[in-house]
């Protein structure tokens, strides 16, 4: 499944509920899921990691949809030529950016 197909699937499943909750409320759910992913990373349990990565991706997809952002298109456009800062693959920046491409 492509990222754009997944994003549409999440819209179909949760779009009405997420739209009613709004961007701020939906972002809080994403933040909670990122916290759960952090705990799963510390524990190192494979099944828990997979579940939390999936949840974070689903909530991120929801937020993108709510804001009219096609994740597949924007990610491909930003990273297709390599690192957005140095244009190398792998990244050749002296120090990692605080956030990818920041």
PDB file of N, CA and C in Angstrom:
ATOM      1  N   UNK A   1       0.846  -1.171   0.000  1.00  0.00           N
ATOM      2  CA  UNK A   1       0.000   0.000   0.000  1.00  0.00           C
ATOM      3  C   UNK A   1       0.894   1.239   0.000  1.00  0.00           C
ATOM      4  N   UNK A   2       0.592   2.177  -0.858  1.00  0.00           N
ATOM      5  CA  UNK A   2       1.331   3.441  -0.903  1.00  0.00           C
ATOM      6  C   UNK A   2       0.886   4.343   0.249  1.00  0.00           C
ATOM      7  N   UNK A   3       1.731   5.304   0.577  1.00  0.00           N
ATOM      8  CA  UNK A   3       1.406   6.246   1.650  1.00  0.00           C
ATOM      9  C   UNK A   3       0.089   6.959   1.340  1.00  0.00           C
ATOM     10  N   UNK A   4      -0.092   7.387   0.102  1.00  0.00           N
ATOM     11  CA  UNK A   4      -1.326   8.100  -0.252  1.00  0.00           C
ATOM     12  C   UNK A   4      -2.559   7.203  -0.095  1.00  0.00           C
ATOM     13  N   UNK A   5      -2.418   5.919  -0.385  1.00  0.00           N
ATOM     14  CA  UNK A   5      -3.534   4.987  -0.214  1.00  0.00           C
ATOM     15  C   UNK A   5      -3.850   4.803   1.272  1.00  0.00           C
ATOM     16  N   UNK A   6      -2.804   4.713   2.076  1.00  0.00           N
ATOM     17  CA  UNK A   6      -3.012   4.594   3.522  1.00  0.00           C
ATOM     18  C   UNK A   6      -3.696   5.839   4.072  1.00  0.00           C
ATOM     19  N   UNK A   7      -3.241   6.999   3.623  1.00  0.00           N
ATOM     20  CA  UNK A   7      -3.830   8.253   4.091  1.00  0.00           C
ATOM     21  C   UNK A   7      -5.315   8.300   3.746  1.00  0.00           C
ATOM     22  N   UNK A   8      -5.676   7.874   2.546  1.00  0.00           N
ATOM     23  CA  UNK A   8      -7.093   7.835   2.164  1.00  0.00           C
ATOM     24  C   UNK A   8      -7.874   6.821   2.996  1.00  0.00           C
ATOM     25  N   UNK A   9      -7.263   5.677   3.284  1.00  0.00           N
ATOM     26  CA  UNK A   9      -7.916   4.663   4.113  1.00  0.00           C
ATOM     27  C   UNK A   9      -8.231   5.225   5.497  1.00  0.00           C
ATOM     28  N   UNK A  10      -7.272   5.889   6.104  1.00  0.00           N
ATOM     29  CA  UNK A  10      -7.487   6.487   7.421  1.00  0.00           C
ATOM     30  C   UNK A  10      -8.573   7.560   7.350  1.00  0.00           C
ATOM     31  N   UNK A  11      -8.589   8.353   6.269  1.00  0.00           N
ATOM     32  CA  UNK A  11      -9.667   9.335   6.081  1.00  0.00           C
ATOM     33  C   UNK A  11     -11.017   8.635   6.050  1.00  0.00           C
ATOM     34  N   UNK A  12     -11.110   7.531   5.301  1.00  0.00           N
ATOM     35  CA  UNK A  12     -12.377   6.809   5.183  1.00  0.00           C
ATOM     36  C   UNK A  12     -12.830   6.251   6.530  1.00  0.00           C
ATOM     37  N   UNK A  13     -11.891   5.731   7.299  1.00  0.00           N
ATOM     38  CA  UNK A  13     -12.239   5.106   8.586  1.00  0.00           C
ATOM     39  C   UNK A  13     -12.572   6.147   9.654  1.00  0.00           C
ATOM     40  N   UNK A  14     -11.742   7.192   9.766  1.00  0.00           N
ATOM     41  CA  UNK A  14     -11.837   8.108  10.906  1.00  0.00           C
ATOM     42  C   UNK A  14     -12.115   9.571  10.559  1.00  0.00           C
ATOM     43  N   UNK A  15     -12.229   9.894   9.285  1.00  0.00           N
ATOM     44  CA  UNK A  15     -12.338  11.293   8.873  1.00  0.00           C
ATOM     45  C   UNK A  15     -13.427  12.079   9.572  1.00  0.00           C
ATOM     46  N   UNK A  16     -14.611  11.512   9.686  1.00  0.00           N
ATOM     47  CA  UNK A  16     -15.726  12.238  10.312  1.00  0.00           C
ATOM     48  C   UNK A  16     -15.447  12.504  11.787  1.00  0.00           C
ATOM     49  N   UNK A  17     -14.972  11.491  12.507  1.00  0.00           N
ATOM     50  CA  UNK A  17     -14.670  11.663  13.930  1.00  0.00           C
ATOM     51  C   UNK A  17     -13.539  12.663  14.134  1.00  0.00           C
ATOM     52  N   UNK A  18     -12.490  12.529  13.318  1.00  0.00           N
ATOM     53  CA  UNK A  18     -11.348  13.425  13.461  1.00  0.00           C
ATOM     54  C   UNK A  18     -11.725  14.858  13.112  1.00  0.00           C
ATOM     55  N   UNK A  19     -12.545  15.017  12.075  1.00  0.00           N
ATOM     56  CA  UNK A  19     -12.992  16.353  11.697  1.00  0.00           C
ATOM     57  C   UNK A  19     -13.797  17.008  12.806  1.00  0.00           C
ATOM     58  N   UNK A  20     -14.633  16.230  13.465  1.00  0.00           N
ATOM     59  CA  UNK A  20     -15.443  16.763  14.564  1.00  0.00           C
ATOM     60  C   UNK A  20     -14.567  17.145  15.754  1.00  0.00           C
ATOM     61  N   UNK A  21     -13.486  16.396  15.972  1.00  0.00           N
ATOM     62  CA  UNK A  21     -12.579  16.677  17.084  1.00  0.00           C
ATOM     63  C   UNK A  21     -11.752  17.921  16.810  1.00  0.00           C
ATOM     64  N   UNK A  22     -11.426  18.151  15.542  1.00  0.00           N
ATOM     65  CA  UNK A  22     -10.633  19.312  15.155  1.00  0.00           C
ATOM     66  C   UNK A  22      -9.140  19.042  15.215  1.00  0.00           C
ATOM     67  N   UNK A  23      -8.398  19.967  14.632  1.00  0.00           N
ATOM     68  CA  UNK A  23      -6.948  19.811  14.548  1.00  0.00           C
ATOM     69  C   UNK A  23      -6.294  19.781  15.926  1.00  0.00           C
ATOM     70  N   UNK A  24      -6.659  20.689  16.814  1.00  0.00           N
ATOM     71  CA  UNK A  24      -6.009  20.742  18.128  1.00  0.00           C
ATOM     72  C   UNK A  24      -6.226  19.452  18.914  1.00  0.00           C
ATOM     73  N   UNK A  25      -7.443  18.966  18.958  1.00  0.00           N
ATOM     74  CA  UNK A  25      -7.733  17.733  19.675  1.00  0.00           C
ATOM     75  C   UNK A  25      -7.061  16.529  19.050  1.00  0.00           C
ATOM     76  N   UNK A  26      -7.018  16.497  17.734  1.00  0.00           N
ATOM     77  CA  UNK A  26      -6.377  15.390  17.032  1.00  0.00           C
ATOM     78  C   UNK A  26      -4.867  15.431  17.245  1.00  0.00           C
ATOM     79  N   UNK A  27      -4.301  16.623  17.276  1.00  0.00           N
ATOM     80  CA  UNK A  27      -2.868  16.746  17.553  1.00  0.00           C
ATOM     81  C   UNK A  27      -2.541  16.207  18.950  1.00  0.00           C
ATOM     82  N   UNK A  28      -3.407  16.458  19.910  1.00  0.00           N
ATOM     83  CA  UNK A  28      -3.158  15.946  21.264  1.00  0.00           C
ATOM     84  C   UNK A  28      -3.128  14.420  21.268  1.00  0.00           C
ATOM     85  N   UNK A  29      -3.986  13.787  20.459  1.00  0.00           N
ATOM     86  CA  UNK A  29      -3.958  12.330  20.355  1.00  0.00           C
ATOM     87  C   UNK A  29      -2.644  11.872  19.739  1.00  0.00           C
ATOM     88  N   UNK A  30      -2.173  12.587  18.707  1.00  0.00           N
ATOM     89  CA  UNK A  30      -0.876  12.248  18.102  1.00  0.00           C
ATOM     90  C   UNK A  30       0.226  12.344  19.145  1.00  0.00           C
ATOM     91  N   UNK A  31       0.226  13.419  19.920  1.00  0.00           N
ATOM     92  CA  UNK A  31       1.255  13.605  20.941  1.00  0.00           C
ATOM     93  C   UNK A  31       1.220  12.466  21.961  1.00  0.00           C
ATOM     94  N   UNK A  32       0.036  12.039  22.335  1.00  0.00           N
ATOM     95  CA  UNK A  32      -0.089  10.918  23.269  1.00  0.00           C
ATOM     96  C   UNK A  32       0.496   9.647  22.662  1.00  0.00           C
ATOM     97  N   UNK A  33       0.210   9.413  21.381  1.00  0.00           N
ATOM     98  CA  UNK A  33       0.744   8.225  20.708  1.00  0.00           C
ATOM     99  C   UNK A  33       2.265   8.280  20.591  1.00  0.00           C
ATOM    100  N   UNK A  34       2.826   9.471  20.376  1.00  0.00           N
ATOM    101  CA  UNK A  34       4.283   9.601  20.328  1.00  0.00           C
ATOM    102  C   UNK A  34       4.876   9.246  21.695  1.00  0.00           C
ATOM    103  N   UNK A  35       4.207   9.642  22.766  1.00  0.00           N
ATOM    104  CA  UNK A  35       4.647   9.258  24.107  1.00  0.00           C
ATOM    105  C   UNK A  35       4.616   7.748  24.299  1.00  0.00           C
ATOM    106  N   UNK A  36       3.570   7.104  23.789  1.00  0.00           N
ATOM    107  CA  UNK A  36       3.489   5.645  23.881  1.00  0.00           C
ATOM    108  C   UNK A  36       4.597   4.992  23.055  1.00  0.00           C
ATOM    109  N   UNK A  37       4.917   5.580  21.908  1.00  0.00           N
ATOM    110  CA  UNK A  37       6.023   5.065  21.095  1.00  0.00           C
ATOM    111  C   UNK A  37       7.345   5.202  21.846  1.00  0.00           C
ATOM    112  N   UNK A  38       7.528   6.305  22.537  1.00  0.00           N
ATOM    113  CA  UNK A  38       8.738   6.513  23.331  1.00  0.00           C
ATOM    114  C   UNK A  38       8.892   5.415  24.383  1.00  0.00           C
ATOM    115  N   UNK A  39       7.810   5.108  25.074  1.00  0.00           N
ATOM    116  CA  UNK A  39       7.853   4.048  26.081  1.00  0.00           C
ATOM    117  C   UNK A  39       8.152   2.697  25.432  1.00  0.00           C
ATOM    118  N   UNK A  40       7.551   2.447  24.277  1.00  0.00           N
ATOM    119  CA  UNK A  40       7.784   1.178  23.572  1.00  0.00           C
ATOM    120  C   UNK A  40       9.240   1.058  23.130  1.00  0.00           C
ATOM    121  N   UNK A  41       9.833   2.164  22.709  1.00  0.00           N
ATOM    122  CA  UNK A  41      11.244   2.146  22.316  1.00  0.00           C
ATOM    123  C   UNK A  41      12.130   1.802  23.505  1.00  0.00           C
ATOM    124  N   UNK A  42      11.816   2.338  24.666  1.00  0.00           N
ATOM    125  CA  UNK A  42      12.595   2.033  25.869  1.00  0.00           C
ATOM    126  C   UNK A  42      12.464   0.567  26.258  1.00  0.00           C
ATOM    127  N   UNK A  43      11.265   0.022  26.105  1.00  0.00           N
ATOM    128  CA  UNK A  43      11.018  -1.374  26.495  1.00  0.00           C
ATOM    129  C   UNK A  43      11.604  -2.362  25.491  1.00  0.00           C
ATOM    130  N   UNK A  44      11.586  -1.976  24.218  1.00  0.00           N
ATOM    131  CA  UNK A  44      12.153  -2.836  23.187  1.00  0.00           C
ATOM    132  C   UNK A  44      11.308  -4.034  22.795  1.00  0.00           C
ATOM    133  N   UNK A  45      10.042  -4.040  23.156  1.00  0.00           N
ATOM    134  CA  UNK A  45       9.145  -5.133  22.787  1.00  0.00           C
ATOM    135  C   UNK A  45       8.701  -4.961  21.333  1.00  0.00           C
ATOM    136  N   UNK A  46       9.030  -5.906  20.480  1.00  0.00           N
ATOM    137  CA  UNK A  46       8.788  -5.777  19.036  1.00  0.00           C
ATOM    138  C   UNK A  46       7.308  -5.563  18.702  1.00  0.00           C
ATOM    139  N   UNK A  47       6.430  -6.352  19.274  1.00  0.00           N
ATOM    140  CA  UNK A  47       4.999  -6.228  18.979  1.00  0.00           C
ATOM    141  C   UNK A  47       4.469  -4.863  19.400  1.00  0.00           C
ATOM    142  N   UNK A  48       4.898  -4.399  20.559  1.00  0.00           N
ATOM    143  CA  UNK A  48       4.477  -3.082  21.043  1.00  0.00           C
ATOM    144  C   UNK A  48       5.023  -1.974  20.135  1.00  0.00           C
ATOM    145  N   UNK A  49       6.276  -2.101  19.714  1.00  0.00           N
ATOM    146  CA  UNK A  49       6.870  -1.120  18.796  1.00  0.00           C
ATOM    147  C   UNK A  49       6.070  -1.024  17.504  1.00  0.00           C
ATOM    148  N   UNK A  50       5.757  -2.159  16.922  1.00  0.00           N
ATOM    149  CA  UNK A  50       5.012  -2.167  15.663  1.00  0.00           C
ATOM    150  C   UNK A  50       3.656  -1.495  15.829  1.00  0.00           C
ATOM    151  N   UNK A  51       2.974  -1.797  16.919  1.00  0.00           N
ATOM    152  CA  UNK A  51       1.658  -1.201  17.176  1.00  0.00           C
ATOM    153  C   UNK A  51       1.760   0.315  17.323  1.00  0.00           C
ATOM    154  N   UNK A  52       2.741   0.782  18.071  1.00  0.00           N
ATOM    155  CA  UNK A  52       2.861   2.225  18.311  1.00  0.00           C
ATOM    156  C   UNK A  52       3.333   2.976  17.071  1.00  0.00           C
ATOM    157  N   UNK A  53       4.241   2.388  16.290  1.00  0.00           N
ATOM    158  CA  UNK A  53       4.621   3.034  15.027  1.00  0.00           C
ATOM    159  C   UNK A  53       3.402   3.167  14.116  1.00  0.00           C
ATOM    160  N   UNK A  54       2.589   2.131  14.044  1.00  0.00           N
ATOM    161  CA  UNK A  54       1.386   2.177  13.212  1.00  0.00           C
ATOM    162  C   UNK A  54       0.428   3.262  13.701  1.00  0.00           C
ATOM    163  N   UNK A  55       0.255   3.356  15.014  1.00  0.00           N
ATOM    164  CA  UNK A  55      -0.648   4.368  15.572  1.00  0.00           C
ATOM    165  C   UNK A  55      -0.155   5.779  15.279  1.00  0.00           C
ATOM    166  N   UNK A  56       1.146   6.028  15.463  1.00  0.00           N
ATOM    167  CA  UNK A  56       1.699   7.358  15.193  1.00  0.00           C
ATOM    168  C   UNK A  56       1.510   7.714  13.721  1.00  0.00           C
ATOM    169  N   UNK A  57       1.762   6.761  12.841  1.00  0.00           N
ATOM    170  CA  UNK A  57       1.606   7.012  11.411  1.00  0.00           C
ATOM    171  C   UNK A  57       0.145   7.305  11.059  1.00  0.00           C
ATOM    172  N   UNK A  58      -0.774   6.589  11.672  1.00  0.00           N
ATOM    173  CA  UNK A  58      -2.200   6.820  11.417  1.00  0.00           C
ATOM    174  C   UNK A  58      -2.628   8.208  11.885  1.00  0.00           C
ATOM    175  N   UNK A  59      -2.215   8.605  13.089  1.00  0.00           N
ATOM    176  CA  UNK A  59      -2.583   9.933  13.592  1.00  0.00           C
ATOM    177  C   UNK A  59      -1.927  11.036  12.780  1.00  0.00           C
ATOM    178  N   UNK A  60      -0.677  10.834  12.344  1.00  0.00           N
ATOM    179  CA  UNK A  60      -0.010  11.810  11.484  1.00  0.00           C
ATOM    180  C   UNK A  60      -0.752  11.936  10.159  1.00  0.00           C
ATOM    181  N   UNK A  61      -1.188  10.810   9.618  1.00  0.00           N
ATOM    182  CA  UNK A  61      -1.954  10.813   8.362  1.00  0.00           C
ATOM    183  C   UNK A  61      -3.251  11.587   8.520  1.00  0.00           C
ATOM    184  N   UNK A  62      -3.922  11.384   9.643  1.00  0.00           N
ATOM    185  CA  UNK A  62      -5.161  12.095   9.918  1.00  0.00           C
ATOM    186  C   UNK A  62      -4.932  13.607   9.954  1.00  0.00           C
ATOM    187  N   UNK A  63      -3.913  14.040  10.677  1.00  0.00           N
ATOM    188  CA  UNK A  63      -3.624  15.476  10.764  1.00  0.00           C
ATOM    189  C   UNK A  63      -3.286  16.056   9.395  1.00  0.00           C
ATOM    190  N   UNK A  64      -2.524  15.317   8.622  1.00  0.00           N
ATOM    191  CA  UNK A  64      -2.185  15.788   7.277  1.00  0.00           C
ATOM    192  C   UNK A  64      -3.452  15.952   6.446  1.00  0.00           C
ATOM    193  N   UNK A  65      -4.310  14.972   6.470  1.00  0.00           N
ATOM    194  CA  UNK A  65      -5.562  15.051   5.708  1.00  0.00           C
ATOM    195  C   UNK A  65      -6.421  16.222   6.150  1.00  0.00           C
ATOM    196  N   UNK A  66      -6.522  16.411   7.460  1.00  0.00           N
ATOM    197  CA  UNK A  66      -7.341  17.496   7.986  1.00  0.00           C
ATOM    198  C   UNK A  66      -6.832  18.858   7.532  1.00  0.00           C
ATOM    199  N   UNK A  67      -5.555  18.922   7.193  1.00  0.00           N
ATOM    200  CA  UNK A  67      -4.947  20.180   6.786  1.00  0.00           C
ATOM    201  C   UNK A  67      -4.620  20.227   5.303  1.00  0.00           C
ATOM    202  N   UNK A  68      -5.190  19.303   4.533  1.00  0.00           N
ATOM    203  CA  UNK A  68      -5.034  19.310   3.091  1.00  0.00           C
ATOM    204  C   UNK A  68      -3.630  18.998   2.602  1.00  0.00           C
ATOM    205  N   UNK A  69      -2.891  18.180   3.365  1.00  0.00           N
ATOM    206  CA  UNK A  69      -1.520  17.838   3.001  1.00  0.00           C
ATOM    207  C   UNK A  69      -1.461  16.380   2.548  1.00  0.00           C
ATOM    208  N   UNK A  70      -0.922  16.155   1.358  1.00  0.00           N
ATOM    209  CA  UNK A  70      -0.693  14.818   0.821  1.00  0.00           C
ATOM    210  C   UNK A  70       0.702  14.388   1.278  1.00  0.00           C
ATOM    211  N   UNK A  71       0.768  13.535   2.289  1.00  0.00           N
ATOM    212  CA  UNK A  71       2.056  13.143   2.868  1.00  0.00           C
ATOM    213  C   UNK A  71       3.013  12.552   1.841  1.00  0.00           C
ATOM    214  N   UNK A  72       2.504  11.698   0.986  1.00  0.00           N
ATOM    215  CA  UNK A  72       3.366  11.063  -0.010  1.00  0.00           C
ATOM    216  C   UNK A  72       3.993  12.103  -0.932  1.00  0.00           C
ATOM    217  N   UNK A  73       3.197  13.037  -1.396  1.00  0.00           N
ATOM    218  CA  UNK A  73       3.698  14.059  -2.328  1.00  0.00           C
ATOM    219  C   UNK A  73       4.702  14.988  -1.672  1.00  0.00           C
ATOM    220  N   UNK A  74       4.401  15.456  -0.476  1.00  0.00           N
ATOM    221  CA  UNK A  74       5.311  16.427   0.149  1.00  0.00           C
ATOM    222  C   UNK A  74       6.607  15.775   0.616  1.00  0.00           C
ATOM    223  N   UNK A  75       6.525  14.537   1.113  1.00  0.00           N
ATOM    224  CA  UNK A  75       7.740  13.849   1.554  1.00  0.00           C
ATOM    225  C   UNK A  75       8.638  13.541   0.362  1.00  0.00           C
ATOM    226  N   UNK A  76       8.037  13.078  -0.733  1.00  0.00           N
ATOM    227  CA  UNK A  76       8.829  12.785  -1.928  1.00  0.00           C
ATOM    228  C   UNK A  76       9.468  14.052  -2.478  1.00  0.00           C
ATOM    229  N   UNK A  77       8.712  15.137  -2.502  1.00  0.00           N
ATOM    230  CA  UNK A  77       9.251  16.392  -3.030  1.00  0.00           C
ATOM    231  C   UNK A  77      10.393  16.908  -2.167  1.00  0.00           C
ATOM    232  N   UNK A  78      10.258  16.768  -0.859  1.00  0.00           N
ATOM    233  CA  UNK A  78      11.281  17.323   0.039  1.00  0.00           C
ATOM    234  C   UNK A  78      12.553  16.477   0.080  1.00  0.00           C
ATOM    235  N   UNK A  79      12.426  15.153   0.014  1.00  0.00           N
ATOM    236  CA  UNK A  79      13.577  14.282   0.237  1.00  0.00           C
ATOM    237  C   UNK A  79      14.075  13.534  -1.005  1.00  0.00           C
ATOM    238  N   UNK A  80      13.458  13.722  -2.149  1.00  0.00           N
ATOM    239  CA  UNK A  80      13.838  12.979  -3.355  1.00  0.00           C
ATOM    240  C   UNK A  80      15.285  13.212  -3.767  1.00  0.00           C
ATOM    241  N   UNK A  81      15.799  14.394  -3.543  1.00  0.00           N
ATOM    242  CA  UNK A  81      17.163  14.716  -3.955  1.00  0.00           C
ATOM    243  C   UNK A  81      18.177  14.490  -2.837  1.00  0.00           C
ATOM    244  N   UNK A  82      17.767  13.847  -1.755  1.00  0.00           N
ATOM    245  CA  UNK A  82      18.660  13.616  -0.626  1.00  0.00           C
ATOM    246  C   UNK A  82      18.337  14.551   0.516  1.00  0.00           C
ATOM    247  N   UNK A  83      19.303  14.762   1.368  1.00  0.00           N
ATOM    248  CA  UNK A  83      19.129  15.648   2.518  1.00  0.00           C
ATOM    249  C   UNK A  83      18.729  17.041   2.030  1.00  0.00           C
ATOM    250  N   UNK A  84      17.659  17.615   2.581  1.00  0.00           N
ATOM    251  CA  UNK A  84      17.246  18.951   2.149  1.00  0.00           C
ATOM    252  C   UNK A  84      18.292  20.036   2.428  1.00  0.00           C
ATOM    253  N   UNK A  85      19.198  19.803   3.375  1.00  0.00           N
ATOM    254  CA  UNK A  85      20.217  20.808   3.699  1.00  0.00           C
ATOM    255  C   UNK A  85      21.449  20.686   2.813  1.00  0.00           C
ATOM    256  N   UNK A  86      21.969  19.460   2.643  1.00  0.00           N
ATOM    257  CA  UNK A  86      23.225  19.301   1.900  1.00  0.00           C
ATOM    258  C   UNK A  86      23.048  18.593   0.566  1.00  0.00           C
ATOM    259  N   UNK A  87      21.860  18.082   0.282  1.00  0.00           N
ATOM    260  CA  UNK A  87      21.514  17.373  -0.952  1.00  0.00           C
ATOM    261  C   UNK A  87      22.296  16.072  -1.141  1.00  0.00           C
ATOM    262  N   UNK A  88      22.893  15.541  -0.089  1.00  0.00           N
ATOM    263  CA  UNK A  88      23.647  14.296  -0.197  1.00  0.00           C
ATOM    264  C   UNK A  88      22.837  13.122   0.338  1.00  0.00           C
ATOM    265  N   UNK A  89      23.169  11.931  -0.202  1.00  0.00           N
ATOM    266  CA  UNK A  89      22.613  10.679   0.299  1.00  0.00           C
ATOM    267  C   UNK A  89      23.773   9.701   0.439  1.00  0.00           C
ATOM    268  N   UNK A  90      24.158   9.321   1.656  1.00  0.00           N
ATOM    269  CA  UNK A  90      23.573   9.740   2.925  1.00  0.00           C
ATOM    270  C   UNK A  90      23.937  11.183   3.261  1.00  0.00           C
ATOM    271  N   UNK A  91      23.239  11.723   4.216  1.00  0.00           N
ATOM    272  CA  UNK A  91      23.452  13.100   4.651  1.00  0.00           C
ATOM    273  C   UNK A  91      24.917  13.318   5.024  1.00  0.00           C
ATOM    274  N   UNK A  92      25.468  14.434   4.555  1.00  0.00           N
ATOM    275  CA  UNK A  92      26.861  14.775   4.847  1.00  0.00           C
ATOM    276  C   UNK A  92      26.970  16.025   5.714  1.00  0.00           C
ATOM    277  N   UNK A  93      25.855  16.459   6.295  1.00  0.00           N
ATOM    278  CA  UNK A  93      25.889  17.627   7.174  1.00  0.00           C
ATOM    279  C   UNK A  93      26.815  17.351   8.355  1.00  0.00           C
ATOM    280  N   UNK A  94      27.511  18.390   8.818  1.00  0.00           N
ATOM    281  CA  UNK A  94      28.457  18.235   9.918  1.00  0.00           C
ATOM    282  C   UNK A  94      27.778  17.727  11.183  1.00  0.00           C
ATOM    283  N   UNK A  95      26.604  18.240  11.484  1.00  0.00           N
ATOM    284  CA  UNK A  95      25.856  17.794  12.655  1.00  0.00           C
ATOM    285  C   UNK A  95      24.417  17.577  12.221  1.00  0.00           C
ATOM    286  N   UNK A  96      23.748  16.616  12.832  1.00  0.00           N
ATOM    287  CA  UNK A  96      22.350  16.395  12.466  1.00  0.00           C
ATOM    288  C   UNK A  96      21.497  17.618  12.805  1.00  0.00           C
ATOM    289  N   UNK A  97      20.556  17.892  11.949  1.00  0.00           N
ATOM    290  CA  UNK A  97      19.610  18.983  12.208  1.00  0.00           C
ATOM    291  C   UNK A  97      18.705  18.572  13.367  1.00  0.00           C
ATOM    292  N   UNK A  98      18.155  19.551  14.126  1.00  0.00           N
ATOM    293  CA  UNK A  98      17.251  19.213  15.229  1.00  0.00           C
ATOM    294  C   UNK A  98      16.058  18.406  14.752  1.00  0.00           C
ATOM    295  N   UNK A  99      15.594  18.674  13.556  1.00  0.00           N
ATOM    296  CA  UNK A  99      14.531  17.907  12.925  1.00  0.00           C
ATOM    297  C   UNK A  99      14.910  17.759  11.469  1.00  0.00           C
ATOM    298  N   UNK A 100      14.544  16.663  10.861  1.00  0.00           N
ATOM    299  CA  UNK A 100      14.911  16.440   9.457  1.00  0.00           C
ATOM    300  C   UNK A 100      14.573  17.651   8.625  1.00  0.00           C
ATOM    301  N   UNK A 101      15.551  18.169   7.945  1.00  0.00           N
ATOM    302  CA  UNK A 101      15.335  19.276   7.019  1.00  0.00           C
ATOM    303  C   UNK A 101      15.093  20.619   7.665  1.00  0.00           C
ATOM    304  N   UNK A 102      15.189  20.710   8.978  1.00  0.00           N
ATOM    305  CA  UNK A 102      14.898  21.977   9.652  1.00  0.00           C
ATOM    306  C   UNK A 102      15.974  23.003   9.369  1.00  0.00           C
TER     307      UNK A 102
END
